[in-house]
Amino acid sequence: MKLLPVPRTAATIATLVGGTLAGPDRLVAAVAGIDEADAESLVFLDHGAAPEGAGVLLCRAPWAGRTCILVAD
């Protein structure tokens, strides 16, 4: 897990990466792998199941009931 120097909202990160926020805005304090994610983590999801503990997913398609930053690549 890599802590961010300053926590950011999912909406702010979406703007920075050129993505779109889907779901409620949340605070992101770290970037984490799937196996170490917590409620304040951003996790990149290329395929497979979304981790239960991750607060925000960086992915290509929205996941129902989850906060996602949608990106093309």
PDB file of N, CA and C in Angstrom:
ATOM      1  N   MET A   1       0.843  -1.173   0.000  1.00  0.00           N
ATOM      2  CA  MET A   1       0.000   0.000   0.000  1.00  0.00           C
ATOM      3  C   MET A   1       0.892   1.242   0.000  1.00  0.00           C
ATOM      4  N   LYS A   2       0.533   2.198  -0.820  1.00  0.00           N
ATOM      5  CA  LYS A   2       1.283   3.451  -0.925  1.00  0.00           C
ATOM      6  C   LYS A   2       0.376   4.594  -0.485  1.00  0.00           C
ATOM      7  N   LEU A   3       0.722   5.229   0.626  1.00  0.00           N
ATOM      8  CA  LEU A   3      -0.057   6.357   1.119  1.00  0.00           C
ATOM      9  C   LEU A   3       0.153   7.573   0.232  1.00  0.00           C
ATOM     10  N   LEU A   4      -0.907   8.317  -0.009  1.00  0.00           N
ATOM     11  CA  LEU A   4      -0.799   9.570  -0.755  1.00  0.00           C
ATOM     12  C   LEU A   4      -0.249  10.646   0.177  1.00  0.00           C
ATOM     13  N   PRO A   5       0.545  11.577  -0.341  1.00  0.00           N
ATOM     14  CA  PRO A   5       1.059  12.656   0.514  1.00  0.00           C
ATOM     15  C   PRO A   5      -0.081  13.465   1.137  1.00  0.00           C
ATOM     16  N   VAL A   6      -1.141  13.669   0.355  1.00  0.00           N
ATOM     17  CA  VAL A   6      -2.333  14.379   0.817  1.00  0.00           C
ATOM     18  C   VAL A   6      -3.543  13.594   0.332  1.00  0.00           C
ATOM     19  N   PRO A   7      -4.433  13.178   1.225  1.00  0.00           N
ATOM     20  CA  PRO A   7      -5.640  12.473   0.767  1.00  0.00           C
ATOM     21  C   PRO A   7      -6.434  13.336  -0.212  1.00  0.00           C
ATOM     22  N   ARG A   8      -7.041  12.682  -1.180  1.00  0.00           N
ATOM     23  CA  ARG A   8      -7.835  13.367  -2.212  1.00  0.00           C
ATOM     24  C   ARG A   8      -9.205  12.694  -2.318  1.00  0.00           C
ATOM     25  N   THR A   9     -10.150  13.410  -2.874  1.00  0.00           N
ATOM     26  CA  THR A   9     -11.442  12.782  -3.130  1.00  0.00           C
ATOM     27  C   THR A   9     -11.369  11.989  -4.427  1.00  0.00           C
ATOM     28  N   ALA A  10     -12.262  11.031  -4.570  1.00  0.00           N
ATOM     29  CA  ALA A  10     -12.327  10.247  -5.802  1.00  0.00           C
ATOM     30  C   ALA A  10     -12.625  11.166  -6.987  1.00  0.00           C
ATOM     31  N   ALA A  11     -13.460  12.188  -6.787  1.00  0.00           N
ATOM     32  CA  ALA A  11     -13.779  13.133  -7.860  1.00  0.00           C
ATOM     33  C   ALA A  11     -12.533  13.885  -8.331  1.00  0.00           C
ATOM     34  N   THR A  12     -11.694  14.292  -7.414  1.00  0.00           N
ATOM     35  CA  THR A  12     -10.458  14.986  -7.772  1.00  0.00           C
ATOM     36  C   THR A  12      -9.541  14.063  -8.559  1.00  0.00           C
ATOM     37  N   ILE A  13      -9.396  12.825  -8.108  1.00  0.00           N
ATOM     38  CA  ILE A  13      -8.537  11.865  -8.817  1.00  0.00           C
ATOM     39  C   ILE A  13      -9.099  11.581 -10.201  1.00  0.00           C
ATOM     40  N   ALA A  14     -10.421  11.451 -10.317  1.00  0.00           N
ATOM     41  CA  ALA A  14     -11.039  11.223 -11.627  1.00  0.00           C
ATOM     42  C   ALA A  14     -10.672  12.347 -12.590  1.00  0.00           C
ATOM     43  N   THR A  15     -10.735  13.574 -12.129  1.00  0.00           N
ATOM     44  CA  THR A  15     -10.362  14.716 -12.971  1.00  0.00           C
ATOM     45  C   THR A  15      -8.892  14.650 -13.365  1.00  0.00           C
ATOM     46  N   LEU A  16      -8.030  14.324 -12.422  1.00  0.00           N
ATOM     47  CA  LEU A  16      -6.591  14.267 -12.696  1.00  0.00           C
ATOM     48  C   LEU A  16      -6.227  13.207 -13.730  1.00  0.00           C
ATOM     49  N   VAL A  17      -6.937  12.075 -13.729  1.00  0.00           N
ATOM     50  CA  VAL A  17      -6.613  10.983 -14.657  1.00  0.00           C
ATOM     51  C   VAL A  17      -7.477  10.996 -15.914  1.00  0.00           C
ATOM     52  N   GLY A  18      -8.356  11.996 -16.034  1.00  0.00           N
ATOM     53  CA  GLY A  18      -9.218  12.072 -17.212  1.00  0.00           C
ATOM     54  C   GLY A  18     -10.332  11.050 -17.199  1.00  0.00           C
ATOM     55  N   GLY A  19     -10.741  10.633 -16.020  1.00  0.00           N
ATOM     56  CA  GLY A  19     -11.804   9.643 -15.888  1.00  0.00           C
ATOM     57  C   GLY A  19     -13.116  10.271 -15.460  1.00  0.00           C
ATOM     58  N   THR A  20     -14.085   9.407 -15.206  1.00  0.00           N
ATOM     59  CA  THR A  20     -15.415   9.830 -14.779  1.00  0.00           C
ATOM     60  C   THR A  20     -15.763   9.123 -13.483  1.00  0.00           C
ATOM     61  N   LEU A  21     -16.271   9.870 -12.521  1.00  0.00           N
ATOM     62  CA  LEU A  21     -16.668   9.275 -11.257  1.00  0.00           C
ATOM     63  C   LEU A  21     -18.049   8.645 -11.391  1.00  0.00           C
ATOM     64  N   ALA A  22     -18.176   7.408 -10.959  1.00  0.00           N
ATOM     65  CA  ALA A  22     -19.457   6.702 -10.904  1.00  0.00           C
ATOM     66  C   ALA A  22     -19.667   6.265  -9.463  1.00  0.00           C
ATOM     67  N   GLY A  23     -20.762   6.686  -8.861  1.00  0.00           N
ATOM     68  CA  GLY A  23     -21.027   6.365  -7.464  1.00  0.00           C
ATOM     69  C   GLY A  23     -20.687   7.531  -6.573  1.00  0.00           C
ATOM     70  N   PRO A  24     -20.879   7.341  -5.276  1.00  0.00           N
ATOM     71  CA  PRO A  24     -20.638   8.436  -4.332  1.00  0.00           C
ATOM     72  C   PRO A  24     -19.159   8.793  -4.226  1.00  0.00           C
ATOM     73  N   ASP A  25     -18.889  10.074  -4.012  1.00  0.00           N
ATOM     74  CA  ASP A  25     -17.516  10.525  -3.824  1.00  0.00           C
ATOM     75  C   ASP A  25     -17.001  10.017  -2.481  1.00  0.00           C
ATOM     76  N   ARG A  26     -15.747   9.627  -2.448  1.00  0.00           N
ATOM     77  CA  ARG A  26     -15.125   9.112  -1.223  1.00  0.00           C
ATOM     78  C   ARG A  26     -13.724   9.672  -1.101  1.00  0.00           C
ATOM     79  N   LEU A  27     -13.211   9.677   0.099  1.00  0.00           N
ATOM     80  CA  LEU A  27     -11.835  10.094   0.347  1.00  0.00           C
ATOM     81  C   LEU A  27     -10.893   8.937   0.033  1.00  0.00           C
ATOM     82  N   VAL A  28      -9.805   9.260  -0.661  1.00  0.00           N
ATOM     83  CA  VAL A  28      -8.770   8.266  -0.984  1.00  0.00           C
ATOM     84  C   VAL A  28      -7.488   8.698  -0.295  1.00  0.00           C
ATOM     85  N   ALA A  29      -6.949   7.809   0.535  1.00  0.00           N
ATOM     86  CA  ALA A  29      -5.724   8.111   1.274  1.00  0.00           C
ATOM     87  C   ALA A  29      -4.542   7.266   0.802  1.00  0.00           C
ATOM     88  N   ALA A  30      -4.811   6.237  -0.033  1.00  0.00           N
ATOM     89  CA  ALA A  30      -3.733   5.344  -0.460  1.00  0.00           C
ATOM     90  C   ALA A  30      -4.099   4.656  -1.769  1.00  0.00           C
ATOM     91  N   VAL A  31      -3.079   4.156  -2.443  1.00  0.00           N
ATOM     92  CA  VAL A  31      -3.241   3.276  -3.598  1.00  0.00           C
ATOM     93  C   VAL A  31      -2.774   1.907  -3.128  1.00  0.00           C
ATOM     94  N   ALA A  32      -3.581   0.888  -3.401  1.00  0.00           N
ATOM     95  CA  ALA A  32      -3.275  -0.426  -2.856  1.00  0.00           C
ATOM     96  C   ALA A  32      -3.506  -1.526  -3.881  1.00  0.00           C
ATOM     97  N   GLY A  33      -2.877  -2.655  -3.635  1.00  0.00           N
ATOM     98  CA  GLY A  33      -3.142  -3.856  -4.401  1.00  0.00           C
ATOM     99  C   GLY A  33      -4.445  -4.481  -3.927  1.00  0.00           C
ATOM    100  N   ILE A  34      -4.973  -5.392  -4.705  1.00  0.00           N
ATOM    101  CA  ILE A  34      -6.246  -6.029  -4.382  1.00  0.00           C
ATOM    102  C   ILE A  34      -6.229  -6.689  -3.008  1.00  0.00           C
ATOM    103  N   ASP A  35      -5.133  -7.296  -2.655  1.00  0.00           N
ATOM    104  CA  ASP A  35      -5.065  -8.064  -1.401  1.00  0.00           C
ATOM    105  C   ASP A  35      -4.844  -7.211  -0.153  1.00  0.00           C
ATOM    106  N   GLU A  36      -4.584  -5.918  -0.312  1.00  0.00           N
ATOM    107  CA  GLU A  36      -4.310  -5.076   0.855  1.00  0.00           C
ATOM    108  C   GLU A  36      -5.208  -3.842   0.942  1.00  0.00           C
ATOM    109  N   ALA A  37      -6.255  -3.803   0.148  1.00  0.00           N
ATOM    110  CA  ALA A  37      -7.124  -2.627   0.075  1.00  0.00           C
ATOM    111  C   ALA A  37      -7.958  -2.446   1.332  1.00  0.00           C
ATOM    112  N   ASP A  38      -8.221  -1.168   1.648  1.00  0.00           N
ATOM    113  CA  ASP A  38      -9.152  -0.855   2.732  1.00  0.00           C
ATOM    114  C   ASP A  38     -10.122   0.224   2.241  1.00  0.00           C
ATOM    115  N   ALA A  39     -10.966   0.708   3.113  1.00  0.00           N
ATOM    116  CA  ALA A  39     -12.036   1.643   2.733  1.00  0.00           C
ATOM    117  C   ALA A  39     -11.539   2.971   2.181  1.00  0.00           C
ATOM    118  N   GLU A  40     -10.290   3.328   2.430  1.00  0.00           N
ATOM    119  CA  GLU A  40      -9.738   4.583   1.908  1.00  0.00           C
ATOM    120  C   GLU A  40      -8.698   4.336   0.817  1.00  0.00           C
ATOM    121  N   SER A  41      -8.774   3.176   0.173  1.00  0.00           N
ATOM    122  CA  SER A  41      -7.808   2.816  -0.870  1.00  0.00           C
ATOM    123  C   SER A  41      -8.406   2.907  -2.262  1.00  0.00           C
ATOM    124  N   LEU A  42      -7.558   3.260  -3.212  1.00  0.00           N
ATOM    125  CA  LEU A  42      -7.865   3.201  -4.633  1.00  0.00           C
ATOM    126  C   LEU A  42      -7.188   1.954  -5.176  1.00  0.00           C
ATOM    127  N   VAL A  43      -7.956   1.131  -5.894  1.00  0.00           N
ATOM    128  CA  VAL A  43      -7.433  -0.122  -6.442  1.00  0.00           C
ATOM    129  C   VAL A  43      -7.688  -0.151  -7.942  1.00  0.00           C
ATOM    130  N   PHE A  44      -6.669  -0.506  -8.736  1.00  0.00           N
ATOM    131  CA  PHE A  44      -6.830  -0.706 -10.171  1.00  0.00           C
ATOM    132  C   PHE A  44      -7.413  -2.093 -10.392  1.00  0.00           C
ATOM    133  N   LEU A  45      -8.486  -2.161 -11.159  1.00  0.00           N
ATOM    134  CA  LEU A  45      -9.142  -3.440 -11.432  1.00  0.00           C
ATOM    135  C   LEU A  45      -9.216  -3.634 -12.934  1.00  0.00           C
ATOM    136  N   ASP A  46      -8.404  -4.563 -13.457  1.00  0.00           N
ATOM    137  CA  ASP A  46      -8.376  -4.849 -14.886  1.00  0.00           C
ATOM    138  C   ASP A  46      -9.405  -5.918 -15.253  1.00  0.00           C
ATOM    139  N   HIS A  47      -9.553  -6.895 -14.398  1.00  0.00           N
ATOM    140  CA  HIS A  47     -10.516  -7.981 -14.617  1.00  0.00           C
ATOM    141  C   HIS A  47     -10.736  -8.713 -13.294  1.00  0.00           C
ATOM    142  N   GLY A  48     -11.698  -9.576 -13.265  1.00  0.00           N
ATOM    143  CA  GLY A  48     -11.963 -10.342 -12.048  1.00  0.00           C
ATOM    144  C   GLY A  48     -12.909  -9.627 -11.110  1.00  0.00           C
ATOM    145  N   ALA A  49     -13.029 -10.167  -9.929  1.00  0.00           N
ATOM    146  CA  ALA A  49     -13.959  -9.631  -8.937  1.00  0.00           C
ATOM    147  C   ALA A  49     -13.353  -8.442  -8.200  1.00  0.00           C
ATOM    148  N   ALA A  50     -14.194  -7.490  -7.881  1.00  0.00           N
ATOM    149  CA  ALA A  50     -13.754  -6.325  -7.122  1.00  0.00           C
ATOM    150  C   ALA A  50     -13.532  -6.724  -5.667  1.00  0.00           C
ATOM    151  N   PRO A  51     -12.428  -6.289  -5.075  1.00  0.00           N
ATOM    152  CA  PRO A  51     -12.176  -6.624  -3.678  1.00  0.00           C
ATOM    153  C   PRO A  51     -13.184  -5.956  -2.752  1.00  0.00           C
ATOM    154  N   GLU A  52     -13.636  -6.681  -1.764  1.00  0.00           N
ATOM    155  CA  GLU A  52     -14.622  -6.169  -0.811  1.00  0.00           C
ATOM    156  C   GLU A  52     -14.150  -4.924  -0.079  1.00  0.00           C
ATOM    157  N   GLY A  53     -12.884  -4.890   0.322  1.00  0.00           N
ATOM    158  CA  GLY A  53     -12.403  -3.817   1.174  1.00  0.00           C
ATOM    159  C   GLY A  53     -12.078  -2.508   0.481  1.00  0.00           C
ATOM    160  N   ALA A  54     -11.958  -2.514  -0.836  1.00  0.00           N
ATOM    161  CA  ALA A  54     -11.525  -1.311  -1.555  1.00  0.00           C
ATOM    162  C   ALA A  54     -12.595  -0.242  -1.541  1.00  0.00           C
ATOM    163  N   GLY A  55     -12.193   0.984  -1.233  1.00  0.00           N
ATOM    164  CA  GLY A  55     -13.133   2.100  -1.216  1.00  0.00           C
ATOM    165  C   GLY A  55     -13.460   2.613  -2.600  1.00  0.00           C
ATOM    166  N   VAL A  56     -12.452   2.669  -3.484  1.00  0.00           N
ATOM    167  CA  VAL A  56     -12.631   3.207  -4.836  1.00  0.00           C
ATOM    168  C   VAL A  56     -11.926   2.285  -5.828  1.00  0.00           C
ATOM    169  N   LEU A  57     -12.610   1.991  -6.926  1.00  0.00           N
ATOM    170  CA  LEU A  57     -12.045   1.151  -7.981  1.00  0.00           C
ATOM    171  C   LEU A  57     -11.701   2.011  -9.188  1.00  0.00           C
ATOM    172  N   LEU A  58     -10.543   1.790  -9.779  1.00  0.00           N
ATOM    173  CA  LEU A  58     -10.160   2.402 -11.040  1.00  0.00           C
ATOM    174  C   LEU A  58     -10.375   1.316 -12.086  1.00  0.00           C
ATOM    175  N   CYS A  59     -11.374   1.482 -12.962  1.00  0.00           N
ATOM    176  CA  CYS A  59     -11.753   0.397 -13.866  1.00  0.00           C
ATOM    177  C   CYS A  59     -12.390   0.937 -15.139  1.00  0.00           C
ATOM    178  N   ARG A  60     -12.725   0.035 -16.058  1.00  0.00           N
ATOM    179  CA  ARG A  60     -13.306   0.428 -17.346  1.00  0.00           C
ATOM    180  C   ARG A  60     -14.827   0.495 -17.324  1.00  0.00           C
ATOM    181  N   ALA A  61     -15.457  -0.268 -16.453  1.00  0.00           N
ATOM    182  CA  ALA A  61     -16.927  -0.316 -16.386  1.00  0.00           C
ATOM    183  C   ALA A  61     -17.360  -0.194 -14.930  1.00  0.00           C
ATOM    184  N   PRO A  62     -18.520   0.405 -14.690  1.00  0.00           N
ATOM    185  CA  PRO A  62     -18.972   0.572 -13.303  1.00  0.00           C
ATOM    186  C   PRO A  62     -19.368  -0.751 -12.649  1.00  0.00           C
ATOM    187  N   TRP A  63     -19.198  -0.804 -11.346  1.00  0.00           N
ATOM    188  CA  TRP A  63     -19.637  -1.929 -10.524  1.00  0.00           C
ATOM    189  C   TRP A  63     -20.796  -1.440  -9.673  1.00  0.00           C
ATOM    190  N   ALA A  64     -21.889  -2.142  -9.696  1.00  0.00           N
ATOM    191  CA  ALA A  64     -23.085  -1.742  -8.948  1.00  0.00           C
ATOM    192  C   ALA A  64     -22.760  -1.600  -7.464  1.00  0.00           C
ATOM    193  N   GLY A  65     -23.197  -0.485  -6.903  1.00  0.00           N
ATOM    194  CA  GLY A  65     -23.027  -0.253  -5.476  1.00  0.00           C
ATOM    195  C   GLY A  65     -21.617   0.127  -5.042  1.00  0.00           C
ATOM    196  N   ARG A  66     -20.732   0.394  -5.987  1.00  0.00           N
ATOM    197  CA  ARG A  66     -19.335   0.724  -5.669  1.00  0.00           C
ATOM    198  C   ARG A  66     -18.976   2.089  -6.236  1.00  0.00           C
ATOM    199  N   THR A  67     -18.017   2.746  -5.603  1.00  0.00           N
ATOM    200  CA  THR A  67     -17.470   3.981  -6.144  1.00  0.00           C
ATOM    201  C   THR A  67     -16.375   3.618  -7.136  1.00  0.00           C
ATOM    202  N   CYS A  68     -16.516   4.096  -8.367  1.00  0.00           N
ATOM    203  CA  CYS A  68     -15.565   3.761  -9.427  1.00  0.00           C
ATOM    204  C   CYS A  68     -15.098   5.032 -10.133  1.00  0.00           C
ATOM    205  N   ILE A  69     -13.840   4.997 -10.538  1.00  0.00           N
ATOM    206  CA  ILE A  69     -13.316   5.993 -11.468  1.00  0.00           C
ATOM    207  C   ILE A  69     -13.180   5.249 -12.777  1.00  0.00           C
ATOM    208  N   LEU A  70     -13.989   5.644 -13.754  1.00  0.00           N
ATOM    209  CA  LEU A  70     -14.025   4.957 -15.041  1.00  0.00           C
ATOM    210  C   LEU A  70     -13.014   5.583 -15.991  1.00  0.00           C
ATOM    211  N   VAL A  71     -12.170   4.726 -16.568  1.00  0.00           N
ATOM    212  CA  VAL A  71     -11.141   5.163 -17.509  1.00  0.00           C
ATOM    213  C   VAL A  71     -11.154   4.255 -18.724  1.00  0.00           C
ATOM    214  N   ALA A  72     -10.721   4.784 -19.863  1.00  0.00           N
ATOM    215  CA  ALA A  72     -10.672   3.980 -21.093  1.00  0.00           C
ATOM    216  C   ALA A  72      -9.482   3.013 -21.052  1.00  0.00           C
ATOM    217  N   ASP A  73      -8.328   3.488 -20.617  1.00  0.00           N
ATOM    218  CA  ASP A  73      -7.113   2.654 -20.546  1.00  0.00           C
ATOM    219  C   ASP A  73      -6.319   2.998 -19.328  1.00  0.00           C
TER     220      ASP A  73
END
